Each structure stands twice: as structure tokens, then as C-alpha cells.
């Protein structure tokens, strides 16, 4: 028998919808979404979870320095999908994300 234990995954979380959309365009897999109600309008703010890797740190550095390029249509699609999923998680907490 092979008793290999799965390694714990370090989580990188961001509430920056634009950065999360960029990560999606760069093919970083989304691990989950948490949300928190913020502001006077009680709107849900998504916290997008990705695996924390050196590559994601590099992407963040490049993003902050405006050194990344993504396909605009893919970016807009990812952004709309993430917005919709935040609402879905709020309305249906058992949705699986």
C-alpha cells in the first residue's frame, strides 16, 4: 500500500475582481469564493481563492506594474462570471464554491 498523504494547499485570496479576472485569463484555477457583506448598500464582496504558488506571486508583481496582457474578451467574460458567482454563492451557500 502507498500511504501518500495529500499536501496542504496554501491559499492565495484576493478581493480584487480585476486581478482575479486576470488570473483566470492566465489559467490559474479558481479554488473557491468566499463573500462578505460590506458597505452601506449591503453588497456582497467576493474573496477569490487560488493556490498560492511562486507563479501567482510573479503574476501579482507583474499585474501591479502593468506588465501583463490578456485577451480583452476573455477578461470581460471572466469578470462577469466571477461577479455572477459571488451572487450565486450569496444566494445559494451550498452551491459548491
C-alpha atoms as a PDB file:
ATOM      1  CA  UNK A   1       0.000   0.000   0.000  1.00  0.00           C
ATOM      2  CA  UNK A   2       1.099   3.513  -0.737  1.00  0.00           C
ATOM      3  CA  UNK A   3       0.247   5.847   2.165  1.00  0.00           C
ATOM      4  CA  UNK A   4       0.821   9.167   0.451  1.00  0.00           C
ATOM      5  CA  UNK A   5      -0.799  11.999   2.332  1.00  0.00           C
ATOM      6  CA  UNK A   6      -2.045  14.937   0.268  1.00  0.00           C
ATOM      7  CA  UNK A   7      -0.068  18.080   0.913  1.00  0.00           C
ATOM      8  CA  UNK A   8      -1.982  21.014   2.253  1.00  0.00           C
ATOM      9  CA  UNK A   9      -2.517  23.672  -0.368  1.00  0.00           C
ATOM     10  CA  UNK A  10      -1.525  27.212   0.517  1.00  0.00           C
ATOM     11  CA  UNK A  11      -4.311  29.612  -0.399  1.00  0.00           C
ATOM     12  CA  UNK A  12      -3.905  32.980  -2.067  1.00  0.00           C
ATOM     13  CA  UNK A  13      -7.007  35.124  -1.613  1.00  0.00           C
ATOM     14  CA  UNK A  14      -7.859  38.422  -3.263  1.00  0.00           C
ATOM     15  CA  UNK A  15     -10.922  40.633  -3.230  1.00  0.00           C
ATOM     16  CA  UNK A  16      -9.657  42.488  -6.314  1.00  0.00           C
ATOM     17  CA  UNK A  17     -12.133  41.444  -9.016  1.00  0.00           C
ATOM     18  CA  UNK A  18      -9.891  42.795 -11.769  1.00  0.00           C
ATOM     19  CA  UNK A  19      -6.870  40.830 -10.557  1.00  0.00           C
ATOM     20  CA  UNK A  20      -8.936  37.671 -10.079  1.00  0.00           C
ATOM     21  CA  UNK A  21     -10.254  38.054 -13.632  1.00  0.00           C
ATOM     22  CA  UNK A  22      -6.703  38.456 -14.892  1.00  0.00           C
ATOM     23  CA  UNK A  23      -5.616  35.308 -13.034  1.00  0.00           C
ATOM     24  CA  UNK A  24      -8.480  33.402 -14.629  1.00  0.00           C
ATOM     25  CA  UNK A  25      -7.325  34.578 -18.076  1.00  0.00           C
ATOM     26  CA  UNK A  26      -3.815  33.389 -17.221  1.00  0.00           C
ATOM     27  CA  UNK A  27      -5.271  29.927 -16.474  1.00  0.00           C
ATOM     28  CA  UNK A  28      -4.827  29.919 -12.702  1.00  0.00           C
ATOM     29  CA  UNK A  29      -7.543  27.599 -11.371  1.00  0.00           C
ATOM     30  CA  UNK A  30     -10.089  29.187  -9.051  1.00  0.00           C
ATOM     31  CA  UNK A  31     -10.350  27.085  -5.876  1.00  0.00           C
ATOM     32  CA  UNK A  32     -13.322  28.820  -4.347  1.00  0.00           C
ATOM     33  CA  UNK A  33     -15.114  32.015  -3.461  1.00  0.00           C
ATOM     34  CA  UNK A  34     -15.972  33.420  -0.062  1.00  0.00           C
ATOM     35  CA  UNK A  35     -18.016  36.567   0.341  1.00  0.00           C
ATOM     36  CA  UNK A  36     -18.552  39.237   2.924  1.00  0.00           C
ATOM     37  CA  UNK A  37     -21.284  41.862   3.105  1.00  0.00           C
ATOM     38  CA  UNK A  38     -19.726  45.322   3.073  1.00  0.00           C
ATOM     39  CA  UNK A  39     -20.777  48.925   2.743  1.00  0.00           C
ATOM     40  CA  UNK A  40     -23.972  50.801   3.399  1.00  0.00           C
ATOM     41  CA  UNK A  41     -25.715  49.056   0.487  1.00  0.00           C
ATOM     42  CA  UNK A  42     -25.026  45.584   1.940  1.00  0.00           C
ATOM     43  CA  UNK A  43     -23.469  44.325  -1.255  1.00  0.00           C
ATOM     44  CA  UNK A  44     -21.513  41.075  -1.263  1.00  0.00           C
ATOM     45  CA  UNK A  45     -17.777  41.362  -1.862  1.00  0.00           C
ATOM     46  CA  UNK A  46     -16.111  38.257  -3.259  1.00  0.00           C
ATOM     47  CA  UNK A  47     -12.856  36.864  -1.933  1.00  0.00           C
ATOM     48  CA  UNK A  48     -11.413  34.718  -4.702  1.00  0.00           C
ATOM     49  CA  UNK A  49      -9.196  31.806  -3.690  1.00  0.00           C
ATOM     50  CA  UNK A  50      -6.333  30.426  -5.768  1.00  0.00           C
ATOM     51  CA  UNK A  51      -3.437  28.131  -4.957  1.00  0.00           C
ATOM     52  CA  UNK A  52      -0.537  30.199  -3.626  1.00  0.00           C
ATOM     53  CA  UNK A  53       2.457  29.466  -5.841  1.00  0.00           C
ATOM     54  CA  UNK A  54       5.578  31.348  -6.926  1.00  0.00           C
ATOM     55  CA  UNK A  55       3.883  31.825 -10.309  1.00  0.00           C
ATOM     56  CA  UNK A  56       0.951  33.636  -8.717  1.00  0.00           C
ATOM     57  CA  UNK A  57       3.358  35.879  -6.796  1.00  0.00           C
ATOM     58  CA  UNK A  58       5.077  36.685 -10.088  1.00  0.00           C
ATOM     59  CA  UNK A  59       1.716  37.396 -11.747  1.00  0.00           C
ATOM     60  CA  UNK A  60       0.785  39.740  -8.889  1.00  0.00           C
ATOM     61  CA  UNK A  61       4.079  41.610  -9.207  1.00  0.00           C
ATOM     62  CA  UNK A  62       3.613  41.974 -12.965  1.00  0.00           C
ATOM     63  CA  UNK A  63      -0.042  42.977 -12.541  1.00  0.00           C
ATOM     64  CA  UNK A  64       0.859  45.740 -10.092  1.00  0.00           C
ATOM     65  CA  UNK A  65       3.500  47.003 -12.522  1.00  0.00           C
ATOM     66  CA  UNK A  66       1.100  46.862 -15.510  1.00  0.00           C
ATOM     67  CA  UNK A  67       3.289  44.281 -17.233  1.00  0.00           C
ATOM     68  CA  UNK A  68       0.565  41.727 -18.041  1.00  0.00           C
ATOM     69  CA  UNK A  69      -1.552  41.451 -21.154  1.00  0.00           C
ATOM     70  CA  UNK A  70      -4.682  39.354 -21.558  1.00  0.00           C
ATOM     71  CA  UNK A  71      -7.291  38.998 -24.281  1.00  0.00           C
ATOM     72  CA  UNK A  72      -9.936  41.678 -23.593  1.00  0.00           C
ATOM     73  CA  UNK A  73     -12.907  39.423 -24.414  1.00  0.00           C
ATOM     74  CA  UNK A  74     -11.616  36.691 -22.093  1.00  0.00           C
ATOM     75  CA  UNK A  75     -11.042  39.232 -19.351  1.00  0.00           C
ATOM     76  CA  UNK A  76     -14.582  40.621 -19.594  1.00  0.00           C
ATOM     77  CA  UNK A  77     -16.075  37.109 -19.660  1.00  0.00           C
ATOM     78  CA  UNK A  78     -14.058  36.090 -16.595  1.00  0.00           C
ATOM     79  CA  UNK A  79     -15.063  39.271 -14.765  1.00  0.00           C
ATOM     80  CA  UNK A  80     -18.773  38.778 -15.461  1.00  0.00           C
ATOM     81  CA  UNK A  81     -18.573  35.095 -14.496  1.00  0.00           C
ATOM     82  CA  UNK A  82     -16.880  35.947 -11.190  1.00  0.00           C
ATOM     83  CA  UNK A  83     -19.458  38.644 -10.399  1.00  0.00           C
ATOM     84  CA  UNK A  84     -22.271  36.198 -11.096  1.00  0.00           C
ATOM     85  CA  UNK A  85     -20.650  33.511  -8.983  1.00  0.00           C
ATOM     86  CA  UNK A  86     -20.334  35.859  -5.991  1.00  0.00           C
ATOM     87  CA  UNK A  87     -24.088  36.495  -6.167  1.00  0.00           C
ATOM     88  CA  UNK A  88     -24.698  32.758  -6.588  1.00  0.00           C
ATOM     89  CA  UNK A  89     -22.595  31.936  -3.503  1.00  0.00           C
ATOM     90  CA  UNK A  90     -24.516  34.553  -1.511  1.00  0.00           C
ATOM     91  CA  UNK A  91     -27.915  33.312  -2.648  1.00  0.00           C
ATOM     92  CA  UNK A  92     -27.049  29.613  -2.544  1.00  0.00           C
ATOM     93  CA  UNK A  93     -24.394  28.860   0.102  1.00  0.00           C
ATOM     94  CA  UNK A  94     -24.456  25.159  -0.827  1.00  0.00           C
ATOM     95  CA  UNK A  95     -23.514  25.800  -4.453  1.00  0.00           C
ATOM     96  CA  UNK A  96     -20.156  24.084  -4.062  1.00  0.00           C
ATOM     97  CA  UNK A  97     -17.840  27.077  -4.303  1.00  0.00           C
END
